Amino acid sequence: MALRTPLLLAVCLSALSVDAMADAAHAYAFGQPAPANKATRSVEVTLQDIAFSPNSVDVKDGETVRFVLVNKGRLLHEFNLGDAAMHAEHQKEMLKMQASGMLTATGMGAMDHSAMGHGAMKHDDPNSVLVEPGKTAELTWTFAKATGLEFACNLPGHYQAGMVGKLNVD
């Protein structure tokens, strides 16, 4: 009995530290995800082939914005918050996902990559959402003061074709 209590305590503490590390992995200098009911305003963004409308959004430091993302295009698109360097890194991941068959031009593929030894390849970053043609999705974010912030579609070729917008945080 005396050994169980310290062992149980150690297991609980290690589980807590794993959760803390997972949260730290999703820490962003420009803010954090938020529940939609905390938003102080909504901004509708239309995703077209190959453009965003509007292509610029102004937000305030500390403001929580609910983005309503409407894909009126014929292709799968992404709404991803970050700076140019973050988008460049994410584009590499998206290219791998497309090459593996996990992403198609119009949606998510049905391949199970964990069974193939590829690991857990997922599109689940809290600063990003995929929107299939004709569908609507949401992303809610509380912004922190930042410069060089963009919203972009990082599917292969979309960013390079101009599917990127400016986020101005005052």
N, C-alpha and C. Protein backbone atom coordinates (compact mmCIF):
# COMPACT_ATOMS: atom_id res chain seq x y z
N MET A 1 0.82 -1.19 0.00
CA MET A 1 0.00 0.00 0.00
C MET A 1 0.86 1.25 0.00
N ALA A 2 1.96 1.23 0.75
CA ALA A 2 2.83 2.40 0.83
C ALA A 2 3.50 2.67 -0.52
N LEU A 3 3.78 1.63 -1.29
CA LEU A 3 4.41 1.80 -2.60
C LEU A 3 3.40 2.30 -3.63
N ARG A 4 2.14 1.88 -3.52
CA ARG A 4 1.12 2.27 -4.50
C ARG A 4 0.88 3.77 -4.54
N THR A 5 0.82 4.42 -3.40
CA THR A 5 0.52 5.85 -3.36
C THR A 5 1.56 6.68 -4.10
N PRO A 6 2.88 6.49 -3.82
CA PRO A 6 3.87 7.26 -4.59
C PRO A 6 3.85 6.92 -6.07
N LEU A 7 3.62 5.64 -6.40
CA LEU A 7 3.57 5.23 -7.79
C LEU A 7 2.38 5.87 -8.50
N LEU A 8 1.24 5.85 -7.85
CA LEU A 8 0.04 6.46 -8.41
C LEU A 8 0.25 7.97 -8.60
N LEU A 9 0.85 8.59 -7.61
CA LEU A 9 1.15 10.02 -7.69
C LEU A 9 2.09 10.31 -8.86
N ALA A 10 3.12 9.49 -9.04
CA ALA A 10 4.07 9.68 -10.14
C ALA A 10 3.38 9.54 -11.49
N VAL A 11 2.49 8.55 -11.62
CA VAL A 11 1.75 8.35 -12.88
C VAL A 11 0.87 9.55 -13.17
N CYS A 12 0.17 10.05 -12.15
CA CYS A 12 -0.70 11.22 -12.34
C CYS A 12 0.09 12.45 -12.74
N LEU A 13 1.23 12.67 -12.08
CA LEU A 13 2.06 13.83 -12.41
C LEU A 13 2.63 13.73 -13.81
N SER A 14 3.01 12.54 -14.24
CA SER A 14 3.55 12.41 -15.60
C SER A 14 2.45 12.64 -16.62
N ALA A 15 1.23 12.21 -16.34
CA ALA A 15 0.12 12.47 -17.26
C ALA A 15 -0.15 13.96 -17.37
N LEU A 16 -0.09 14.66 -16.24
CA LEU A 16 -0.29 16.11 -16.27
C LEU A 16 0.80 16.80 -17.07
N SER A 17 2.04 16.36 -16.94
CA SER A 17 3.13 17.00 -17.66
C SER A 17 3.02 16.74 -19.15
N VAL A 18 2.51 15.57 -19.56
CA VAL A 18 2.29 15.30 -20.99
C VAL A 18 1.25 16.25 -21.54
N ASP A 19 0.15 16.47 -20.80
CA ASP A 19 -0.88 17.42 -21.25
C ASP A 19 -0.31 18.82 -21.37
N ALA A 20 0.52 19.22 -20.42
CA ALA A 20 1.12 20.55 -20.46
C ALA A 20 2.03 20.69 -21.67
N MET A 21 2.79 19.63 -22.00
CA MET A 21 3.66 19.69 -23.17
C MET A 21 2.84 19.78 -24.44
N ALA A 22 1.71 19.05 -24.50
CA ALA A 22 0.86 19.10 -25.68
C ALA A 22 0.31 20.50 -25.87
N ASP A 23 -0.11 21.16 -24.77
CA ASP A 23 -0.61 22.52 -24.88
C ASP A 23 0.49 23.48 -25.33
N ALA A 24 1.70 23.28 -24.84
CA ALA A 24 2.82 24.14 -25.21
C ALA A 24 3.15 23.99 -26.69
N ALA A 25 2.90 22.78 -27.24
CA ALA A 25 3.18 22.55 -28.66
C ALA A 25 2.26 23.39 -29.54
N HIS A 26 1.12 23.78 -29.00
CA HIS A 26 0.18 24.59 -29.77
C HIS A 26 0.14 26.02 -29.26
N ALA A 27 1.23 26.51 -28.72
CA ALA A 27 1.32 27.90 -28.29
C ALA A 27 1.77 28.75 -29.47
N TYR A 28 1.11 29.85 -29.67
CA TYR A 28 1.41 30.74 -30.79
C TYR A 28 1.66 32.14 -30.25
N ALA A 29 2.67 32.80 -30.78
CA ALA A 29 3.00 34.16 -30.34
C ALA A 29 1.89 35.15 -30.70
N PHE A 30 1.09 34.83 -31.70
CA PHE A 30 0.05 35.75 -32.17
C PHE A 30 -1.33 35.47 -31.59
N GLY A 31 -1.42 34.57 -30.60
CA GLY A 31 -2.70 34.34 -29.95
C GLY A 31 -2.98 32.88 -29.71
N GLN A 32 -4.27 32.59 -29.53
CA GLN A 32 -4.67 31.23 -29.21
C GLN A 32 -6.09 30.95 -29.67
N PRO A 33 -6.42 29.67 -29.85
CA PRO A 33 -7.79 29.31 -30.22
C PRO A 33 -8.74 29.67 -29.08
N ALA A 34 -9.99 29.90 -29.44
CA ALA A 34 -10.99 30.27 -28.44
C ALA A 34 -12.33 29.65 -28.82
N PRO A 35 -13.20 29.45 -27.84
CA PRO A 35 -14.55 28.97 -28.16
C PRO A 35 -15.35 30.07 -28.87
N ALA A 36 -16.22 29.67 -29.77
CA ALA A 36 -17.00 30.63 -30.57
C ALA A 36 -17.82 31.58 -29.69
N ASN A 37 -18.29 31.11 -28.54
CA ASN A 37 -19.13 31.97 -27.69
C ASN A 37 -18.33 33.09 -27.02
N LYS A 38 -17.01 33.07 -27.14
CA LYS A 38 -16.17 34.14 -26.59
C LYS A 38 -15.89 35.24 -27.62
N ALA A 39 -16.32 35.04 -28.86
CA ALA A 39 -16.03 36.01 -29.91
C ALA A 39 -16.78 37.31 -29.68
N THR A 40 -16.08 38.42 -29.94
CA THR A 40 -16.70 39.74 -29.83
C THR A 40 -17.25 40.19 -31.17
N ARG A 41 -16.83 39.50 -32.25
CA ARG A 41 -17.41 39.76 -33.57
C ARG A 41 -17.13 38.59 -34.49
N SER A 42 -17.90 38.53 -35.58
CA SER A 42 -17.71 37.51 -36.62
C SER A 42 -17.28 38.18 -37.91
N VAL A 43 -16.40 37.50 -38.63
CA VAL A 43 -15.95 37.97 -39.94
C VAL A 43 -16.18 36.83 -40.92
N GLU A 44 -16.98 37.08 -41.95
CA GLU A 44 -17.17 36.06 -42.99
C GLU A 44 -16.08 36.21 -44.03
N VAL A 45 -15.44 35.09 -44.34
CA VAL A 45 -14.41 35.06 -45.36
C VAL A 45 -14.84 34.05 -46.41
N THR A 46 -14.90 34.50 -47.67
CA THR A 46 -15.25 33.62 -48.78
C THR A 46 -13.96 33.05 -49.37
N LEU A 47 -13.94 31.75 -49.54
CA LEU A 47 -12.82 31.05 -50.16
C LEU A 47 -13.24 30.72 -51.58
N GLN A 48 -12.51 31.27 -52.53
CA GLN A 48 -12.82 31.06 -53.95
C GLN A 48 -11.62 30.39 -54.60
N ASP A 49 -11.74 30.04 -55.85
CA ASP A 49 -10.62 29.46 -56.59
C ASP A 49 -9.90 30.58 -57.33
N ILE A 50 -8.86 31.09 -56.95
CA ILE A 50 -7.90 30.95 -55.87
C ILE A 50 -7.77 32.31 -55.19
N ALA A 51 -8.67 32.64 -54.29
CA ALA A 51 -8.63 33.95 -53.62
C ALA A 51 -9.46 33.90 -52.35
N PHE A 52 -9.17 34.85 -51.47
CA PHE A 52 -9.98 35.10 -50.29
C PHE A 52 -10.69 36.43 -50.48
N SER A 53 -11.91 36.52 -49.95
CA SER A 53 -12.61 37.80 -49.93
C SER A 53 -13.24 37.95 -48.56
N PRO A 54 -12.83 38.95 -47.79
CA PRO A 54 -11.85 39.99 -48.09
C PRO A 54 -10.43 39.42 -48.08
N ASN A 55 -9.49 40.19 -48.62
CA ASN A 55 -8.11 39.74 -48.62
C ASN A 55 -7.27 40.42 -47.55
N SER A 56 -7.95 41.16 -46.66
CA SER A 56 -7.29 41.80 -45.53
C SER A 56 -8.31 41.96 -44.40
N VAL A 57 -7.86 41.70 -43.17
CA VAL A 57 -8.74 41.83 -42.00
C VAL A 57 -7.95 42.55 -40.90
N ASP A 58 -8.59 43.53 -40.29
CA ASP A 58 -8.00 44.25 -39.16
C ASP A 58 -8.60 43.72 -37.87
N VAL A 59 -7.74 43.40 -36.89
CA VAL A 59 -8.18 42.95 -35.57
C VAL A 59 -7.40 43.71 -34.51
N LYS A 60 -7.90 43.67 -33.31
CA LYS A 60 -7.25 44.37 -32.19
C LYS A 60 -6.53 43.35 -31.30
N ASP A 61 -5.47 43.78 -30.68
CA ASP A 61 -4.76 42.99 -29.70
C ASP A 61 -5.74 42.60 -28.60
N GLY A 62 -5.87 41.30 -28.32
CA GLY A 62 -6.79 40.82 -27.30
C GLY A 62 -8.18 40.51 -27.80
N GLU A 63 -8.50 40.87 -29.04
CA GLU A 63 -9.83 40.63 -29.60
C GLU A 63 -10.00 39.16 -29.98
N THR A 64 -11.22 38.65 -29.74
CA THR A 64 -11.56 37.28 -30.14
C THR A 64 -12.51 37.38 -31.33
N VAL A 65 -12.07 36.80 -32.45
CA VAL A 65 -12.81 36.88 -33.71
C VAL A 65 -13.23 35.48 -34.15
N ARG A 66 -14.48 35.38 -34.53
CA ARG A 66 -15.02 34.14 -35.09
C ARG A 66 -15.03 34.29 -36.60
N PHE A 67 -14.18 33.51 -37.28
CA PHE A 67 -14.14 33.53 -38.73
C PHE A 67 -15.13 32.49 -39.25
N VAL A 68 -16.06 32.93 -40.10
CA VAL A 68 -17.01 32.04 -40.76
C VAL A 68 -16.48 31.90 -42.18
N LEU A 69 -16.09 30.68 -42.54
CA LEU A 69 -15.38 30.42 -43.78
C LEU A 69 -16.29 29.69 -44.75
N VAL A 70 -16.60 30.35 -45.87
CA VAL A 70 -17.54 29.81 -46.85
C VAL A 70 -16.76 29.49 -48.13
N ASN A 71 -16.69 28.22 -48.47
CA ASN A 71 -15.97 27.82 -49.68
C ASN A 71 -16.93 27.83 -50.86
N LYS A 72 -16.81 28.86 -51.70
CA LYS A 72 -17.64 28.98 -52.90
C LYS A 72 -16.89 28.51 -54.15
N GLY A 73 -15.72 27.93 -53.93
CA GLY A 73 -14.93 27.42 -55.05
C GLY A 73 -15.26 25.97 -55.35
N ARG A 74 -14.53 25.42 -56.31
CA ARG A 74 -14.71 24.01 -56.69
C ARG A 74 -13.63 23.12 -56.09
N LEU A 75 -12.69 23.72 -55.35
CA LEU A 75 -11.57 22.98 -54.78
C LEU A 75 -11.60 23.00 -53.26
N LEU A 76 -10.92 22.04 -52.65
CA LEU A 76 -10.69 22.05 -51.22
C LEU A 76 -9.79 23.24 -50.91
N HIS A 77 -10.09 23.98 -49.84
CA HIS A 77 -9.25 25.10 -49.43
C HIS A 77 -9.00 25.04 -47.92
N GLU A 78 -8.00 25.78 -47.51
CA GLU A 78 -7.63 25.85 -46.11
C GLU A 78 -7.63 27.31 -45.67
N PHE A 79 -7.97 27.53 -44.41
CA PHE A 79 -7.82 28.84 -43.77
C PHE A 79 -6.86 28.61 -42.63
N ASN A 80 -5.65 29.16 -42.75
CA ASN A 80 -4.59 28.92 -41.79
C ASN A 80 -4.01 30.26 -41.35
N LEU A 81 -3.91 30.46 -40.04
CA LEU A 81 -3.33 31.68 -39.48
C LEU A 81 -1.85 31.45 -39.19
N GLY A 82 -1.00 32.41 -39.59
CA GLY A 82 0.43 32.31 -39.31
C GLY A 82 1.20 33.37 -40.06
N ASP A 83 2.52 33.31 -39.94
CA ASP A 83 3.35 34.21 -40.74
C ASP A 83 3.89 33.43 -41.94
N ALA A 84 4.62 34.10 -42.82
CA ALA A 84 5.09 33.48 -44.06
C ALA A 84 5.94 32.24 -43.78
N ALA A 85 6.79 32.29 -42.76
CA ALA A 85 7.64 31.14 -42.43
C ALA A 85 6.81 29.94 -41.97
N MET A 86 5.78 30.19 -41.16
CA MET A 86 4.90 29.12 -40.71
C MET A 86 4.16 28.50 -41.88
N HIS A 87 3.69 29.36 -42.80
CA HIS A 87 2.99 28.84 -43.98
C HIS A 87 3.91 27.99 -44.84
N ALA A 88 5.17 28.41 -45.00
CA ALA A 88 6.12 27.64 -45.80
C ALA A 88 6.33 26.24 -45.21
N GLU A 89 6.45 26.16 -43.89
CA GLU A 89 6.60 24.86 -43.22
C GLU A 89 5.34 24.02 -43.37
N HIS A 90 4.19 24.64 -43.19
CA HIS A 90 2.92 23.91 -43.29
C HIS A 90 2.69 23.41 -44.71
N GLN A 91 3.14 24.15 -45.70
CA GLN A 91 2.99 23.73 -47.09
C GLN A 91 3.72 22.42 -47.35
N LYS A 92 4.85 22.20 -46.70
CA LYS A 92 5.58 20.93 -46.84
C LYS A 92 4.74 19.77 -46.31
N GLU A 93 4.09 19.98 -45.17
CA GLU A 93 3.22 18.95 -44.60
C GLU A 93 2.03 18.67 -45.51
N MET A 94 1.45 19.73 -46.05
CA MET A 94 0.29 19.56 -46.92
C MET A 94 0.66 18.82 -48.20
N LEU A 95 1.85 19.07 -48.72
CA LEU A 95 2.33 18.37 -49.92
C LEU A 95 2.47 16.88 -49.63
N LYS A 96 3.00 16.53 -48.45
CA LYS A 96 3.11 15.12 -48.06
C LYS A 96 1.73 14.48 -47.94
N MET A 97 0.80 15.23 -47.35
CA MET A 97 -0.56 14.71 -47.20
C MET A 97 -1.20 14.47 -48.55
N GLN A 98 -0.97 15.38 -49.50
CA GLN A 98 -1.54 15.21 -50.83
C GLN A 98 -0.87 14.04 -51.56
N ALA A 99 0.45 13.94 -51.46
CA ALA A 99 1.19 12.86 -52.13
C ALA A 99 0.78 11.49 -51.60
N SER A 100 0.39 11.43 -50.32
CA SER A 100 -0.01 10.16 -49.71
C SER A 100 -1.45 9.78 -50.04
N GLY A 101 -2.19 10.69 -50.65
CA GLY A 101 -3.60 10.42 -50.95
C GLY A 101 -4.55 10.85 -49.86
N MET A 102 -4.01 11.44 -48.80
CA MET A 102 -4.85 11.88 -47.69
C MET A 102 -5.68 13.09 -48.07
N LEU A 103 -5.17 13.93 -48.97
CA LEU A 103 -5.89 15.10 -49.47
C LEU A 103 -6.06 14.96 -50.97
N THR A 104 -7.23 15.32 -51.46
CA THR A 104 -7.46 15.38 -52.91
C THR A 104 -7.76 16.83 -53.26
N ALA A 105 -7.96 17.10 -54.52
CA ALA A 105 -8.28 18.47 -54.94
C ALA A 105 -9.58 18.97 -54.33
N THR A 106 -10.49 18.04 -54.02
CA THR A 106 -11.80 18.46 -53.53
C THR A 106 -12.13 18.02 -52.11
N GLY A 107 -11.25 17.26 -51.45
CA GLY A 107 -11.58 16.83 -50.10
C GLY A 107 -10.52 15.97 -49.47
N MET A 108 -10.91 15.33 -48.39
CA MET A 108 -10.02 14.46 -47.64
C MET A 108 -10.13 13.05 -48.20
N GLY A 109 -8.97 12.40 -48.43
CA GLY A 109 -8.96 11.02 -48.87
C GLY A 109 -9.32 10.10 -47.72
N ALA A 110 -9.52 8.84 -48.01
CA ALA A 110 -9.97 7.90 -46.99
C ALA A 110 -8.88 6.94 -46.53
N MET A 111 -7.62 7.22 -46.85
CA MET A 111 -6.54 6.30 -46.50
C MET A 111 -6.24 6.35 -45.01
N ASP A 112 -5.97 5.17 -44.42
CA ASP A 112 -5.57 5.07 -43.01
C ASP A 112 -4.06 4.92 -42.97
N HIS A 113 -3.35 6.01 -42.73
CA HIS A 113 -1.90 6.00 -42.78
C HIS A 113 -1.27 5.38 -41.55
N SER A 114 -1.97 5.30 -40.44
CA SER A 114 -1.38 4.70 -39.25
C SER A 114 -1.15 3.21 -39.48
N ALA A 115 -2.01 2.58 -40.25
CA ALA A 115 -1.86 1.16 -40.55
C ALA A 115 -0.69 0.91 -41.49
N MET A 116 -0.24 1.94 -42.20
CA MET A 116 0.85 1.79 -43.16
C MET A 116 2.19 2.18 -42.55
N GLY A 117 2.22 2.47 -41.26
CA GLY A 117 3.47 2.83 -40.62
C GLY A 117 3.90 4.26 -40.87
N HIS A 118 3.00 5.11 -41.34
CA HIS A 118 3.33 6.50 -41.62
C HIS A 118 3.14 7.40 -40.40
N GLY A 119 2.67 6.83 -39.32
CA GLY A 119 2.42 7.65 -38.14
C GLY A 119 1.07 8.33 -38.24
N ALA A 120 0.81 9.20 -37.31
CA ALA A 120 -0.48 9.89 -37.24
C ALA A 120 -0.42 11.18 -38.06
N MET A 121 -0.56 11.07 -39.35
CA MET A 121 -0.58 12.25 -40.21
C MET A 121 -2.00 12.80 -40.22
N LYS A 122 -2.16 13.98 -39.63
CA LYS A 122 -3.49 14.57 -39.50
C LYS A 122 -3.42 16.06 -39.80
N HIS A 123 -4.57 16.61 -40.09
CA HIS A 123 -4.69 18.05 -40.26
C HIS A 123 -5.53 18.52 -39.08
N ASP A 124 -4.85 18.82 -37.96
CA ASP A 124 -5.60 19.16 -36.75
C ASP A 124 -4.99 20.32 -35.96
N ASP A 125 -4.25 21.18 -36.63
CA ASP A 125 -3.68 22.34 -35.95
C ASP A 125 -4.80 23.30 -35.57
N PRO A 126 -4.76 23.87 -34.35
CA PRO A 126 -5.84 24.75 -33.92
C PRO A 126 -5.92 26.07 -34.67
N ASN A 127 -4.88 26.43 -35.42
CA ASN A 127 -4.87 27.69 -36.19
C ASN A 127 -5.26 27.46 -37.64
N SER A 128 -5.88 26.32 -37.92
CA SER A 128 -6.13 25.95 -39.31
C SER A 128 -7.40 25.12 -39.44
N VAL A 129 -8.09 25.30 -40.58
CA VAL A 129 -9.26 24.48 -40.87
C VAL A 129 -9.34 24.25 -42.38
N LEU A 130 -9.74 23.05 -42.77
CA LEU A 130 -9.98 22.72 -44.17
C LEU A 130 -11.46 22.89 -44.45
N VAL A 131 -11.77 23.42 -45.64
CA VAL A 131 -13.18 23.64 -46.01
C VAL A 131 -13.39 23.06 -47.41
N GLU A 132 -14.25 22.06 -47.48
CA GLU A 132 -14.55 21.42 -48.77
C GLU A 132 -15.44 22.32 -49.61
N PRO A 133 -15.46 22.10 -50.93
CA PRO A 133 -16.30 22.92 -51.82
C PRO A 133 -17.77 22.90 -51.38
N GLY A 134 -18.37 24.07 -51.35
CA GLY A 134 -19.78 24.19 -50.98
C GLY A 134 -20.05 24.12 -49.49
N LYS A 135 -19.03 23.98 -48.69
CA LYS A 135 -19.20 23.83 -47.24
C LYS A 135 -18.80 25.11 -46.51
N THR A 136 -19.20 25.18 -45.25
CA THR A 136 -18.86 26.29 -44.36
C THR A 136 -18.20 25.71 -43.12
N ALA A 137 -17.19 26.41 -42.62
CA ALA A 137 -16.51 26.00 -41.39
C ALA A 137 -16.23 27.26 -40.57
N GLU A 138 -15.78 27.07 -39.35
CA GLU A 138 -15.47 28.21 -38.47
C GLU A 138 -14.14 28.00 -37.78
N LEU A 139 -13.51 29.11 -37.47
CA LEU A 139 -12.29 29.13 -36.66
C LEU A 139 -12.38 30.37 -35.79
N THR A 140 -12.24 30.20 -34.49
CA THR A 140 -12.31 31.34 -33.56
C THR A 140 -10.95 31.50 -32.90
N TRP A 141 -10.47 32.73 -32.87
CA TRP A 141 -9.11 33.00 -32.41
C TRP A 141 -9.07 34.28 -31.57
N THR A 142 -8.32 34.24 -30.48
CA THR A 142 -8.03 35.44 -29.69
C THR A 142 -6.64 35.90 -30.07
N PHE A 143 -6.56 37.12 -30.60
CA PHE A 143 -5.31 37.63 -31.16
C PHE A 143 -4.45 38.33 -30.12
N ALA A 144 -3.14 38.18 -30.29
CA ALA A 144 -2.14 38.92 -29.53
C ALA A 144 -1.38 39.79 -30.54
N LYS A 145 -0.80 40.86 -30.05
CA LYS A 145 -0.05 41.78 -30.91
C LYS A 145 0.97 41.01 -31.73
N ALA A 146 0.96 41.22 -33.03
CA ALA A 146 1.88 40.53 -33.93
C ALA A 146 2.04 41.33 -35.21
N THR A 147 3.15 41.08 -35.89
CA THR A 147 3.36 41.69 -37.20
C THR A 147 3.60 40.56 -38.20
N GLY A 148 3.34 40.85 -39.46
CA GLY A 148 3.58 39.88 -40.52
C GLY A 148 2.62 38.71 -40.51
N LEU A 149 1.45 38.88 -39.92
CA LEU A 149 0.48 37.80 -39.81
C LEU A 149 -0.35 37.72 -41.08
N GLU A 150 -0.62 36.49 -41.52
CA GLU A 150 -1.40 36.25 -42.73
C GLU A 150 -2.43 35.16 -42.46
N PHE A 151 -3.45 35.11 -43.32
CA PHE A 151 -4.29 33.92 -43.41
C PHE A 151 -4.05 33.39 -44.81
N ALA A 152 -3.94 32.07 -44.92
CA ALA A 152 -3.54 31.51 -46.21
C ALA A 152 -4.12 30.13 -46.42
N CYS A 153 -4.16 29.74 -47.68
CA CYS A 153 -4.46 28.37 -48.07
C CYS A 153 -3.14 27.73 -48.44
N ASN A 154 -2.77 26.67 -47.73
CA ASN A 154 -1.48 26.03 -47.93
C ASN A 154 -1.55 24.73 -48.71
N LEU A 155 -2.70 24.47 -49.36
CA LEU A 155 -2.73 23.33 -50.25
C LEU A 155 -1.71 23.58 -51.37
N PRO A 156 -1.07 22.55 -51.86
CA PRO A 156 0.00 22.75 -52.85
C PRO A 156 -0.41 23.68 -54.00
N GLY A 157 0.37 24.76 -54.13
CA GLY A 157 0.19 25.72 -55.21
C GLY A 157 -0.75 26.86 -54.91
N HIS A 158 -1.62 26.74 -53.93
CA HIS A 158 -2.63 27.77 -53.68
C HIS A 158 -2.01 29.06 -53.15
N TYR A 159 -1.12 28.96 -52.17
CA TYR A 159 -0.46 30.15 -51.62
C TYR A 159 0.31 30.87 -52.73
N GLN A 160 1.07 30.09 -53.51
CA GLN A 160 1.88 30.65 -54.59
C GLN A 160 1.02 31.31 -55.67
N ALA A 161 -0.20 30.83 -55.83
CA ALA A 161 -1.12 31.42 -56.82
C ALA A 161 -1.82 32.65 -56.29
N GLY A 162 -1.55 33.02 -55.02
CA GLY A 162 -2.12 34.24 -54.46
C GLY A 162 -3.20 34.07 -53.43
N MET A 163 -3.43 32.83 -52.97
CA MET A 163 -4.48 32.62 -51.97
C MET A 163 -3.92 32.87 -50.58
N VAL A 164 -3.71 34.18 -50.30
CA VAL A 164 -3.15 34.62 -49.03
C VAL A 164 -3.72 36.00 -48.74
N GLY A 165 -4.01 36.27 -47.48
CA GLY A 165 -4.53 37.57 -47.06
C GLY A 165 -3.76 38.10 -45.88
N LYS A 166 -3.90 39.37 -45.65
CA LYS A 166 -3.17 40.07 -44.59
C LYS A 166 -4.04 40.20 -43.35
N LEU A 167 -3.44 39.92 -42.18
CA LEU A 167 -4.10 40.13 -40.90
C LEU A 167 -3.34 41.23 -40.17
N ASN A 168 -3.99 42.35 -39.94
CA ASN A 168 -3.36 43.46 -39.25
C ASN A 168 -3.84 43.47 -37.80
N VAL A 169 -2.90 43.29 -36.86
CA VAL A 169 -3.24 43.28 -35.44
C VAL A 169 -2.74 44.57 -34.83
N ASP A 170 -3.69 45.40 -34.33
CA ASP A 170 -3.33 46.68 -33.69
C ASP A 170 -3.43 46.56 -32.20
